[in-house]
Amino acid sequence: MGGGDIYLQFSRGDEEIAELFTDIRVKRHAARVLVLLLRDIDLKSREMERVCDLRHPEVSIALSDLIDRKWVKKVSKKAENKGRPVLIYHLQIEDTVPFYPC
């Protein structure tokens, strides 16, 4: 996980930004996950659960919504040990927001 514990806490400012996303019809849990990913760090769903104070099904539904909107990308990373690959999520901003130079 990137950053320290202070960096990975949901602040009052983050809550306010999430509320702005809900004003434009982004679901509440998806808005919280999106605000966390705006920090430009790649996270596992378990890390999002902890930081956003959401349960696994809530994060899973939020991620599905954000992936459907093509705002978030899921990458499979081979686990260090044997077993299932780890899924990492990150913001897909370059494909989401068109850039228009001034």
PDB file of N, CA and C in Angstrom:
ATOM      1  N   MET A   1       0.855  -1.167   0.000  1.00  0.00           N
ATOM      2  CA  MET A   1       0.000   0.000   0.000  1.00  0.00           C
ATOM      3  C   MET A   1       0.901   1.229   0.000  1.00  0.00           C
ATOM      4  N   GLY A   2       0.519   2.244  -0.750  1.00  0.00           N
ATOM      5  CA  GLY A   2       1.334   3.442  -0.814  1.00  0.00           C
ATOM      6  C   GLY A   2       1.018   4.418   0.287  1.00  0.00           C
ATOM      7  N   GLY A   3       2.013   5.134   0.765  1.00  0.00           N
ATOM      8  CA  GLY A   3       1.792   6.175   1.764  1.00  0.00           C
ATOM      9  C   GLY A   3       1.706   5.631   3.171  1.00  0.00           C
ATOM     10  N   GLY A   4       1.726   6.537   4.137  1.00  0.00           N
ATOM     11  CA  GLY A   4       1.627   6.138   5.529  1.00  0.00           C
ATOM     12  C   GLY A   4       0.189   6.120   5.992  1.00  0.00           C
ATOM     13  N   ASP A   5      -0.016   5.819   7.266  1.00  0.00           N
ATOM     14  CA  ASP A   5      -1.366   5.731   7.800  1.00  0.00           C
ATOM     15  C   ASP A   5      -2.094   7.068   7.752  1.00  0.00           C
ATOM     16  N   ILE A   6      -1.381   8.176   7.963  1.00  0.00           N
ATOM     17  CA  ILE A   6      -2.013   9.489   7.933  1.00  0.00           C
ATOM     18  C   ILE A   6      -2.529   9.768   6.524  1.00  0.00           C
ATOM     19  N   TYR A   7      -1.752   9.399   5.531  1.00  0.00           N
ATOM     20  CA  TYR A   7      -2.117   9.628   4.137  1.00  0.00           C
ATOM     21  C   TYR A   7      -3.355   8.808   3.768  1.00  0.00           C
ATOM     22  N   LEU A   8      -3.487   7.631   4.345  1.00  0.00           N
ATOM     23  CA  LEU A   8      -4.593   6.747   3.996  1.00  0.00           C
ATOM     24  C   LEU A   8      -5.690   6.765   5.047  1.00  0.00           C
ATOM     25  N   GLN A   9      -6.158   7.937   5.350  1.00  0.00           N
ATOM     26  CA  GLN A   9      -7.320   8.113   6.198  1.00  0.00           C
ATOM     27  C   GLN A   9      -8.298   8.990   5.443  1.00  0.00           C
ATOM     28  N   PHE A  10      -9.566   8.741   5.660  1.00  0.00           N
ATOM     29  CA  PHE A  10     -10.603   9.529   4.996  1.00  0.00           C
ATOM     30  C   PHE A  10     -10.884  10.751   5.858  1.00  0.00           C
ATOM     31  N   SER A  11     -10.539  11.922   5.364  1.00  0.00           N
ATOM     32  CA  SER A  11     -10.671  13.164   6.143  1.00  0.00           C
ATOM     33  C   SER A  11     -12.030  13.820   5.917  1.00  0.00           C
ATOM     34  N   ARG A  12     -12.283  14.861   6.668  1.00  0.00           N
ATOM     35  CA  ARG A  12     -13.510  15.640   6.488  1.00  0.00           C
ATOM     36  C   ARG A  12     -13.532  16.266   5.092  1.00  0.00           C
ATOM     37  N   GLY A  13     -12.374  16.689   4.616  1.00  0.00           N
ATOM     38  CA  GLY A  13     -12.288  17.236   3.261  1.00  0.00           C
ATOM     39  C   GLY A  13     -12.630  16.193   2.210  1.00  0.00           C
ATOM     40  N   ASP A  14     -12.180  14.970   2.432  1.00  0.00           N
ATOM     41  CA  ASP A  14     -12.520  13.880   1.520  1.00  0.00           C
ATOM     42  C   ASP A  14     -14.031  13.645   1.517  1.00  0.00           C
ATOM     43  N   GLU A  15     -14.630  13.720   2.701  1.00  0.00           N
ATOM     44  CA  GLU A  15     -16.090  13.561   2.808  1.00  0.00           C
ATOM     45  C   GLU A  15     -16.807  14.635   1.992  1.00  0.00           C
ATOM     46  N   GLU A  16     -16.314  15.864   2.058  1.00  0.00           N
ATOM     47  CA  GLU A  16     -16.934  16.960   1.316  1.00  0.00           C
ATOM     48  C   GLU A  16     -16.814  16.751  -0.189  1.00  0.00           C
ATOM     49  N   ILE A  17     -15.659  16.264  -0.631  1.00  0.00           N
ATOM     50  CA  ILE A  17     -15.470  15.987  -2.061  1.00  0.00           C
ATOM     51  C   ILE A  17     -16.400  14.861  -2.491  1.00  0.00           C
ATOM     52  N   ALA A  18     -16.517  13.819  -1.670  1.00  0.00           N
ATOM     53  CA  ALA A  18     -17.417  12.710  -1.979  1.00  0.00           C
ATOM     54  C   ALA A  18     -18.861  13.201  -2.093  1.00  0.00           C
ATOM     55  N   GLU A  19     -19.240  14.138  -1.232  1.00  0.00           N
ATOM     56  CA  GLU A  19     -20.590  14.704  -1.300  1.00  0.00           C
ATOM     57  C   GLU A  19     -20.821  15.439  -2.624  1.00  0.00           C
ATOM     58  N   LEU A  20     -19.776  16.100  -3.142  1.00  0.00           N
ATOM     59  CA  LEU A  20     -19.900  16.766  -4.438  1.00  0.00           C
ATOM     60  C   LEU A  20     -20.165  15.748  -5.549  1.00  0.00           C
ATOM     61  N   PHE A  21     -19.495  14.601  -5.468  1.00  0.00           N
ATOM     62  CA  PHE A  21     -19.733  13.548  -6.463  1.00  0.00           C
ATOM     63  C   PHE A  21     -21.161  13.012  -6.360  1.00  0.00           C
ATOM     64  N   THR A  22     -21.679  12.895  -5.138  1.00  0.00           N
ATOM     65  CA  THR A  22     -23.061  12.414  -4.996  1.00  0.00           C
ATOM     66  C   THR A  22     -24.041  13.430  -5.560  1.00  0.00           C
ATOM     67  N   ASP A  23     -23.680  14.714  -5.536  1.00  0.00           N
ATOM     68  CA  ASP A  23     -24.531  15.747  -6.123  1.00  0.00           C
ATOM     69  C   ASP A  23     -24.677  15.575  -7.638  1.00  0.00           C
ATOM     70  N   ILE A  24     -23.694  14.930  -8.274  1.00  0.00           N
ATOM     71  CA  ILE A  24     -23.783  14.690  -9.725  1.00  0.00           C
ATOM     72  C   ILE A  24     -24.133  13.222  -9.997  1.00  0.00           C
ATOM     73  N   ARG A  25     -24.839  12.619  -9.054  1.00  0.00           N
ATOM     74  CA  ARG A  25     -25.432  11.286  -9.194  1.00  0.00           C
ATOM     75  C   ARG A  25     -24.443  10.129  -9.190  1.00  0.00           C
ATOM     76  N   VAL A  26     -23.318  10.290  -8.537  1.00  0.00           N
ATOM     77  CA  VAL A  26     -22.429   9.158  -8.266  1.00  0.00           C
ATOM     78  C   VAL A  26     -22.887   8.603  -6.924  1.00  0.00           C
ATOM     79  N   LYS A  27     -23.057   7.287  -6.863  1.00  0.00           N
ATOM     80  CA  LYS A  27     -23.532   6.675  -5.620  1.00  0.00           C
ATOM     81  C   LYS A  27     -22.545   6.935  -4.489  1.00  0.00           C
ATOM     82  N   ARG A  28     -23.070   6.993  -3.276  1.00  0.00           N
ATOM     83  CA  ARG A  28     -22.286   7.387  -2.100  1.00  0.00           C
ATOM     84  C   ARG A  28     -21.024   6.551  -1.915  1.00  0.00           C
ATOM     85  N   HIS A  29     -21.131   5.236  -1.960  1.00  0.00           N
ATOM     86  CA  HIS A  29     -19.950   4.383  -1.756  1.00  0.00           C
ATOM     87  C   HIS A  29     -18.959   4.521  -2.916  1.00  0.00           C
ATOM     88  N   ALA A  30     -19.489   4.623  -4.129  1.00  0.00           N
ATOM     89  CA  ALA A  30     -18.617   4.822  -5.293  1.00  0.00           C
ATOM     90  C   ALA A  30     -17.884   6.153  -5.181  1.00  0.00           C
ATOM     91  N   ALA A  31     -18.562   7.171  -4.665  1.00  0.00           N
ATOM     92  CA  ALA A  31     -17.937   8.480  -4.494  1.00  0.00           C
ATOM     93  C   ALA A  31     -16.778   8.401  -3.495  1.00  0.00           C
ATOM     94  N   ARG A  32     -16.970   7.662  -2.405  1.00  0.00           N
ATOM     95  CA  ARG A  32     -15.902   7.516  -1.402  1.00  0.00           C
ATOM     96  C   ARG A  32     -14.691   6.798  -1.989  1.00  0.00           C
ATOM     97  N   VAL A  33     -14.932   5.728  -2.745  1.00  0.00           N
ATOM     98  CA  VAL A  33     -13.827   4.992  -3.372  1.00  0.00           C
ATOM     99  C   VAL A  33     -13.125   5.871  -4.400  1.00  0.00           C
ATOM    100  N   LEU A  34     -13.892   6.608  -5.175  1.00  0.00           N
ATOM    101  CA  LEU A  34     -13.322   7.490  -6.192  1.00  0.00           C
ATOM    102  C   LEU A  34     -12.427   8.555  -5.566  1.00  0.00           C
ATOM    103  N   VAL A  35     -12.883   9.159  -4.482  1.00  0.00           N
ATOM    104  CA  VAL A  35     -12.073  10.182  -3.799  1.00  0.00           C
ATOM    105  C   VAL A  35     -10.760   9.566  -3.314  1.00  0.00           C
ATOM    106  N   LEU A  36     -10.814   8.361  -2.807  1.00  0.00           N
ATOM    107  CA  LEU A  36      -9.592   7.695  -2.357  1.00  0.00           C
ATOM    108  C   LEU A  36      -8.637   7.455  -3.526  1.00  0.00           C
ATOM    109  N   LEU A  37      -9.163   7.028  -4.659  1.00  0.00           N
ATOM    110  CA  LEU A  37      -8.314   6.759  -5.828  1.00  0.00           C
ATOM    111  C   LEU A  37      -7.784   8.033  -6.475  1.00  0.00           C
ATOM    112  N   LEU A  38      -8.416   9.171  -6.187  1.00  0.00           N
ATOM    113  CA  LEU A  38      -7.907  10.444  -6.713  1.00  0.00           C
ATOM    114  C   LEU A  38      -6.528  10.788  -6.149  1.00  0.00           C
ATOM    115  N   ARG A  39      -6.127  10.096  -5.098  1.00  0.00           N
ATOM    116  CA  ARG A  39      -4.796  10.319  -4.512  1.00  0.00           C
ATOM    117  C   ARG A  39      -3.689   9.723  -5.374  1.00  0.00           C
ATOM    118  N   ASP A  40      -4.081   9.091  -6.484  1.00  0.00           N
ATOM    119  CA  ASP A  40      -3.146   8.512  -7.447  1.00  0.00           C
ATOM    120  C   ASP A  40      -2.279   7.408  -6.836  1.00  0.00           C
ATOM    121  N   ILE A  41      -2.921   6.524  -6.102  1.00  0.00           N
ATOM    122  CA  ILE A  41      -2.254   5.343  -5.586  1.00  0.00           C
ATOM    123  C   ILE A  41      -3.070   4.124  -5.990  1.00  0.00           C
ATOM    124  N   ASP A  42      -2.387   3.029  -6.219  1.00  0.00           N
ATOM    125  CA  ASP A  42      -3.060   1.786  -6.558  1.00  0.00           C
ATOM    126  C   ASP A  42      -3.385   1.054  -5.268  1.00  0.00           C
ATOM    127  N   LEU A  43      -4.609   0.545  -5.174  1.00  0.00           N
ATOM    128  CA  LEU A  43      -5.055  -0.103  -3.953  1.00  0.00           C
ATOM    129  C   LEU A  43      -5.766  -1.411  -4.233  1.00  0.00           C
ATOM    130  N   LYS A  44      -5.713  -2.300  -3.250  1.00  0.00           N
ATOM    131  CA  LYS A  44      -6.508  -3.523  -3.273  1.00  0.00           C
ATOM    132  C   LYS A  44      -7.855  -3.193  -2.637  1.00  0.00           C
ATOM    133  N   SER A  45      -8.864  -3.983  -2.954  1.00  0.00           N
ATOM    134  CA  SER A  45     -10.194  -3.703  -2.413  1.00  0.00           C
ATOM    135  C   SER A  45     -10.191  -3.756  -0.887  1.00  0.00           C
ATOM    136  N   ARG A  46      -9.398  -4.625  -0.298  1.00  0.00           N
ATOM    137  CA  ARG A  46      -9.331  -4.722   1.162  1.00  0.00           C
ATOM    138  C   ARG A  46      -8.827  -3.412   1.782  1.00  0.00           C
ATOM    139  N   GLU A  47      -7.867  -2.781   1.120  1.00  0.00           N
ATOM    140  CA  GLU A  47      -7.346  -1.503   1.602  1.00  0.00           C
ATOM    141  C   GLU A  47      -8.423  -0.417   1.501  1.00  0.00           C
ATOM    142  N   MET A  48      -9.202  -0.461   0.431  1.00  0.00           N
ATOM    143  CA  MET A  48     -10.287   0.513   0.274  1.00  0.00           C
ATOM    144  C   MET A  48     -11.341   0.323   1.358  1.00  0.00           C
ATOM    145  N   GLU A  49     -11.641  -0.929   1.686  1.00  0.00           N
ATOM    146  CA  GLU A  49     -12.607  -1.217   2.746  1.00  0.00           C
ATOM    147  C   GLU A  49     -12.179  -0.546   4.048  1.00  0.00           C
ATOM    148  N   ARG A  50     -10.912  -0.707   4.378  1.00  0.00           N
ATOM    149  CA  ARG A  50     -10.403  -0.171   5.640  1.00  0.00           C
ATOM    150  C   ARG A  50     -10.421   1.353   5.654  1.00  0.00           C
ATOM    151  N   VAL A  51      -9.913   1.967   4.610  1.00  0.00           N
ATOM    152  CA  VAL A  51      -9.791   3.425   4.586  1.00  0.00           C
ATOM    153  C   VAL A  51     -11.162   4.103   4.473  1.00  0.00           C
ATOM    154  N   CYS A  52     -12.037   3.570   3.630  1.00  0.00           N
ATOM    155  CA  CYS A  52     -13.352   4.181   3.412  1.00  0.00           C
ATOM    156  C   CYS A  52     -14.382   3.732   4.442  1.00  0.00           C
ATOM    157  N   ASP A  53     -14.012   2.815   5.310  1.00  0.00           N
ATOM    158  CA  ASP A  53     -14.914   2.278   6.325  1.00  0.00           C
ATOM    159  C   ASP A  53     -16.168   1.693   5.677  1.00  0.00           C
ATOM    160  N   LEU A  54     -15.937   0.846   4.664  1.00  0.00           N
ATOM    161  CA  LEU A  54     -17.021   0.171   3.960  1.00  0.00           C
ATOM    162  C   LEU A  54     -16.823  -1.335   4.065  1.00  0.00           C
ATOM    163  N   ARG A  55     -17.914  -2.078   3.914  1.00  0.00           N
ATOM    164  CA  ARG A  55     -17.832  -3.534   3.916  1.00  0.00           C
ATOM    165  C   ARG A  55     -17.463  -4.024   2.521  1.00  0.00           C
ATOM    166  N   HIS A  56     -17.022  -5.276   2.434  1.00  0.00           N
ATOM    167  CA  HIS A  56     -16.582  -5.840   1.155  1.00  0.00           C
ATOM    168  C   HIS A  56     -17.642  -5.712   0.051  1.00  0.00           C
ATOM    169  N   PRO A  57     -18.910  -6.078   0.315  1.00  0.00           N
ATOM    170  CA  PRO A  57     -19.898  -5.953  -0.769  1.00  0.00           C
ATOM    171  C   PRO A  57     -20.103  -4.509  -1.240  1.00  0.00           C
ATOM    172  N   GLU A  58     -19.985  -3.564  -0.324  1.00  0.00           N
ATOM    173  CA  GLU A  58     -20.157  -2.154  -0.690  1.00  0.00           C
ATOM    174  C   GLU A  58     -19.025  -1.686  -1.601  1.00  0.00           C
ATOM    175  N   VAL A  59     -17.800  -2.094  -1.283  1.00  0.00           N
ATOM    176  CA  VAL A  59     -16.650  -1.731  -2.119  1.00  0.00           C
ATOM    177  C   VAL A  59     -16.751  -2.420  -3.473  1.00  0.00           C
ATOM    178  N   SER A  60     -17.150  -3.671  -3.466  1.00  0.00           N
ATOM    179  CA  SER A  60     -17.275  -4.428  -4.711  1.00  0.00           C
ATOM    180  C   SER A  60     -18.298  -3.785  -5.653  1.00  0.00           C
ATOM    181  N   ILE A  61     -19.440  -3.399  -5.129  1.00  0.00           N
ATOM    182  CA  ILE A  61     -20.470  -2.741  -5.942  1.00  0.00           C
ATOM    183  C   ILE A  61     -19.972  -1.380  -6.427  1.00  0.00           C
ATOM    184  N   ALA A  62     -19.311  -0.633  -5.554  1.00  0.00           N
ATOM    185  CA  ALA A  62     -18.777   0.680  -5.929  1.00  0.00           C
ATOM    186  C   ALA A  62     -17.752   0.545  -7.055  1.00  0.00           C
ATOM    187  N   LEU A  63     -16.860  -0.431  -6.932  1.00  0.00           N
ATOM    188  CA  LEU A  63     -15.845  -0.638  -7.965  1.00  0.00           C
ATOM    189  C   LEU A  63     -16.482  -1.055  -9.285  1.00  0.00           C
ATOM    190  N   SER A  64     -17.486  -1.907  -9.228  1.00  0.00           N
ATOM    191  CA  SER A  64     -18.176  -2.322 -10.458  1.00  0.00           C
ATOM    192  C   SER A  64     -18.785  -1.116 -11.160  1.00  0.00           C
ATOM    193  N   ASP A  65     -19.397  -0.225 -10.399  1.00  0.00           N
ATOM    194  CA  ASP A  65     -19.987   0.993 -10.961  1.00  0.00           C
ATOM    195  C   ASP A  65     -18.912   1.864 -11.614  1.00  0.00           C
ATOM    196  N   LEU A  66     -17.797   2.051 -10.918  1.00  0.00           N
ATOM    197  CA  LEU A  66     -16.723   2.903 -11.442  1.00  0.00           C
ATOM    198  C   LEU A  66     -16.037   2.268 -12.648  1.00  0.00           C
ATOM    199  N   ILE A  67     -15.920   0.952 -12.658  1.00  0.00           N
ATOM    200  CA  ILE A  67     -15.336   0.250 -13.812  1.00  0.00           C
ATOM    201  C   ILE A  67     -16.281   0.363 -15.006  1.00  0.00           C
ATOM    202  N   ASP A  68     -17.591   0.220 -14.774  1.00  0.00           N
ATOM    203  CA  ASP A  68     -18.572   0.367 -15.858  1.00  0.00           C
ATOM    204  C   ASP A  68     -18.519   1.757 -16.482  1.00  0.00           C
ATOM    205  N   ARG A  69     -18.244   2.761 -15.668  1.00  0.00           N
ATOM    206  CA  ARG A  69     -18.129   4.140 -16.172  1.00  0.00           C
ATOM    207  C   ARG A  69     -16.773   4.387 -16.838  1.00  0.00           C
ATOM    208  N   LYS A  70     -15.890   3.392 -16.751  1.00  0.00           N
ATOM    209  CA  LYS A  70     -14.516   3.481 -17.284  1.00  0.00           C
ATOM    210  C   LYS A  70     -13.690   4.539 -16.559  1.00  0.00           C
ATOM    211  N   TRP A  71     -13.982   4.710 -15.273  1.00  0.00           N
ATOM    212  CA  TRP A  71     -13.231   5.646 -14.445  1.00  0.00           C
ATOM    213  C   TRP A  71     -12.133   4.943 -13.668  1.00  0.00           C
ATOM    214  N   VAL A  72     -12.285   3.656 -13.481  1.00  0.00           N
ATOM    215  CA  VAL A  72     -11.328   2.863 -12.703  1.00  0.00           C
ATOM    216  C   VAL A  72     -10.953   1.639 -13.515  1.00  0.00           C
ATOM    217  N   LYS A  73      -9.700   1.258 -13.407  1.00  0.00           N
ATOM    218  CA  LYS A  73      -9.190   0.086 -14.115  1.00  0.00           C
ATOM    219  C   LYS A  73      -8.741  -0.951 -13.097  1.00  0.00           C
ATOM    220  N   LYS A  74      -9.030  -2.208 -13.405  1.00  0.00           N
ATOM    221  CA  LYS A  74      -8.642  -3.332 -12.548  1.00  0.00           C
ATOM    222  C   LYS A  74      -7.470  -4.042 -13.222  1.00  0.00           C
ATOM    223  N   VAL A  75      -6.388  -4.260 -12.461  1.00  0.00           N
ATOM    224  CA  VAL A  75      -5.205  -4.932 -12.985  1.00  0.00           C
ATOM    225  C   VAL A  75      -4.915  -6.144 -12.110  1.00  0.00           C
ATOM    226  N   SER A  76      -4.687  -7.260 -12.752  1.00  0.00           N
ATOM    227  CA  SER A  76      -4.361  -8.492 -12.030  1.00  0.00           C
ATOM    228  C   SER A  76      -2.843  -8.556 -11.866  1.00  0.00           C
ATOM    229  N   LYS A  77      -2.404  -8.679 -10.628  1.00  0.00           N
ATOM    230  CA  LYS A  77      -0.979  -8.739 -10.327  1.00  0.00           C
ATOM    231  C   LYS A  77      -0.684 -10.095  -9.702  1.00  0.00           C
ATOM    232  N   LYS A  78       0.314 -10.774 -10.218  1.00  0.00           N
ATOM    233  CA  LYS A  78       0.653 -12.089  -9.708  1.00  0.00           C
ATOM    234  C   LYS A  78       1.082 -11.988  -8.247  1.00  0.00           C
ATOM    235  N   ALA A  79       0.509 -12.833  -7.430  1.00  0.00           N
ATOM    236  CA  ALA A  79       0.843 -12.850  -6.001  1.00  0.00           C
ATOM    237  C   ALA A  79       2.278 -13.321  -5.809  1.00  0.00           C
ATOM    238  N   GLU A  80       2.902 -12.863  -4.726  1.00  0.00           N
ATOM    239  CA  GLU A  80       4.278 -13.260  -4.440  1.00  0.00           C
ATOM    240  C   GLU A  80       4.366 -14.761  -4.180  1.00  0.00           C
ATOM    241  N   ASN A  81       3.384 -15.280  -3.486  1.00  0.00           N
ATOM    242  CA  ASN A  81       3.333 -16.715  -3.211  1.00  0.00           C
ATOM    243  C   ASN A  81       2.417 -17.372  -4.235  1.00  0.00           C
ATOM    244  N   LYS A  82       2.264 -18.661  -4.115  1.00  0.00           N
ATOM    245  CA  LYS A  82       1.314 -19.350  -4.972  1.00  0.00           C
ATOM    246  C   LYS A  82      -0.089 -18.922  -4.595  1.00  0.00           C
ATOM    247  N   GLY A  83      -1.007 -19.100  -5.495  1.00  0.00           N
ATOM    248  CA  GLY A  83      -2.385 -18.760  -5.201  1.00  0.00           C
ATOM    249  C   GLY A  83      -2.968 -17.809  -6.215  1.00  0.00           C
ATOM    250  N   ARG A  84      -4.079 -17.250  -5.831  1.00  0.00           N
ATOM    251  CA  ARG A  84      -4.798 -16.359  -6.723  1.00  0.00           C
ATOM    252  C   ARG A  84      -4.039 -15.045  -6.918  1.00  0.00           C
ATOM    253  N   PRO A  85      -4.161 -14.474  -8.118  1.00  0.00           N
ATOM    254  CA  PRO A  85      -3.539 -13.165  -8.333  1.00  0.00           C
ATOM    255  C   PRO A  85      -4.256 -12.097  -7.511  1.00  0.00           C
ATOM    256  N   VAL A  86      -3.550 -11.039  -7.226  1.00  0.00           N
ATOM    257  CA  VAL A  86      -4.088  -9.921  -6.464  1.00  0.00           C
ATOM    258  C   VAL A  86      -4.657  -8.909  -7.458  1.00  0.00           C
ATOM    259  N   LEU A  87      -5.850  -8.413  -7.181  1.00  0.00           N
ATOM    260  CA  LEU A  87      -6.444  -7.394  -8.040  1.00  0.00           C
ATOM    261  C   LEU A  87      -6.141  -6.014  -7.474  1.00  0.00           C
ATOM    262  N   ILE A  88      -5.583  -5.174  -8.312  1.00  0.00           N
ATOM    263  CA  ILE A  88      -5.209  -3.811  -7.948  1.00  0.00           C
ATOM    264  C   ILE A  88      -6.094  -2.869  -8.766  1.00  0.00           C
ATOM    265  N   TYR A  89      -6.547  -1.804  -8.132  1.00  0.00           N
ATOM    266  CA  TYR A  89      -7.425  -0.844  -8.800  1.00  0.00           C
ATOM    267  C   TYR A  89      -6.754   0.522  -8.847  1.00  0.00           C
ATOM    268  N   HIS A  90      -6.889   1.196  -9.969  1.00  0.00           N
ATOM    269  CA  HIS A  90      -6.380   2.564 -10.053  1.00  0.00           C
ATOM    270  C   HIS A  90      -7.263   3.402 -10.968  1.00  0.00           C
ATOM    271  N   LEU A  91      -7.162   4.702 -10.775  1.00  0.00           N
ATOM    272  CA  LEU A  91      -7.945   5.660 -11.542  1.00  0.00           C
ATOM    273  C   LEU A  91      -7.485   5.647 -12.985  1.00  0.00           C
ATOM    274  N   GLN A  92      -8.437   5.670 -13.884  1.00  0.00           N
ATOM    275  CA  GLN A  92      -8.141   5.643 -15.315  1.00  0.00           C
ATOM    276  C   GLN A  92      -8.440   7.018 -15.897  1.00  0.00           C
ATOM    277  N   ILE A  93      -7.809   8.026 -15.357  1.00  0.00           N
ATOM    278  CA  ILE A  93      -8.122   9.416 -15.691  1.00  0.00           C
ATOM    279  C   ILE A  93      -7.788   9.777 -17.137  1.00  0.00           C
ATOM    280  N   GLU A  94      -6.718   9.230 -17.689  1.00  0.00           N
ATOM    281  CA  GLU A  94      -6.317   9.634 -19.032  1.00  0.00           C
ATOM    282  C   GLU A  94      -7.351   9.237 -20.079  1.00  0.00           C
ATOM    283  N   ASP A  95      -8.124   8.171 -19.818  1.00  0.00           N
ATOM    284  CA  ASP A  95      -9.160   7.768 -20.757  1.00  0.00           C
ATOM    285  C   ASP A  95     -10.520   8.335 -20.390  1.00  0.00           C
ATOM    286  N   THR A  96     -10.622   8.974 -19.238  1.00  0.00           N
ATOM    287  CA  THR A  96     -11.913   9.445 -18.739  1.00  0.00           C
ATOM    288  C   THR A  96     -12.162  10.899 -19.092  1.00  0.00           C
ATOM    289  N   VAL A  97     -11.184  11.741 -18.840  1.00  0.00           N
ATOM    290  CA  VAL A  97     -11.370  13.175 -19.007  1.00  0.00           C
ATOM    291  C   VAL A  97     -10.587  13.636 -20.228  1.00  0.00           C
ATOM    292  N   PRO A  98     -11.285  14.155 -21.241  1.00  0.00           N
ATOM    293  CA  PRO A  98     -10.556  14.650 -22.414  1.00  0.00           C
ATOM    294  C   PRO A  98      -9.741  15.894 -22.040  1.00  0.00           C
ATOM    295  N   PHE A  99      -8.572  15.994 -22.595  1.00  0.00           N
ATOM    296  CA  PHE A  99      -7.696  17.126 -22.305  1.00  0.00           C
ATOM    297  C   PHE A  99      -7.782  18.088 -23.477  1.00  0.00           C
ATOM    298  N   TYR A 100      -8.124  19.319 -23.169  1.00  0.00           N
ATOM    299  CA  TYR A 100      -8.194  20.363 -24.194  1.00  0.00           C
ATOM    300  C   TYR A 100      -7.201  21.455 -23.830  1.00  0.00           C
ATOM    301  N   PRO A 101      -6.063  21.512 -24.535  1.00  0.00           N
ATOM    302  CA  PRO A 101      -5.092  22.565 -24.220  1.00  0.00           C
ATOM    303  C   PRO A 101      -5.657  23.950 -24.499  1.00  0.00           C
ATOM    304  N   CYS A 102      -5.228  24.901 -23.707  1.00  0.00           N
ATOM    305  CA  CYS A 102      -5.714  26.287 -23.862  1.00  0.00           C
ATOM    306  C   CYS A 102      -5.065  26.964 -25.034  1.00  0.00           C
TER     307      CYS A 102
END
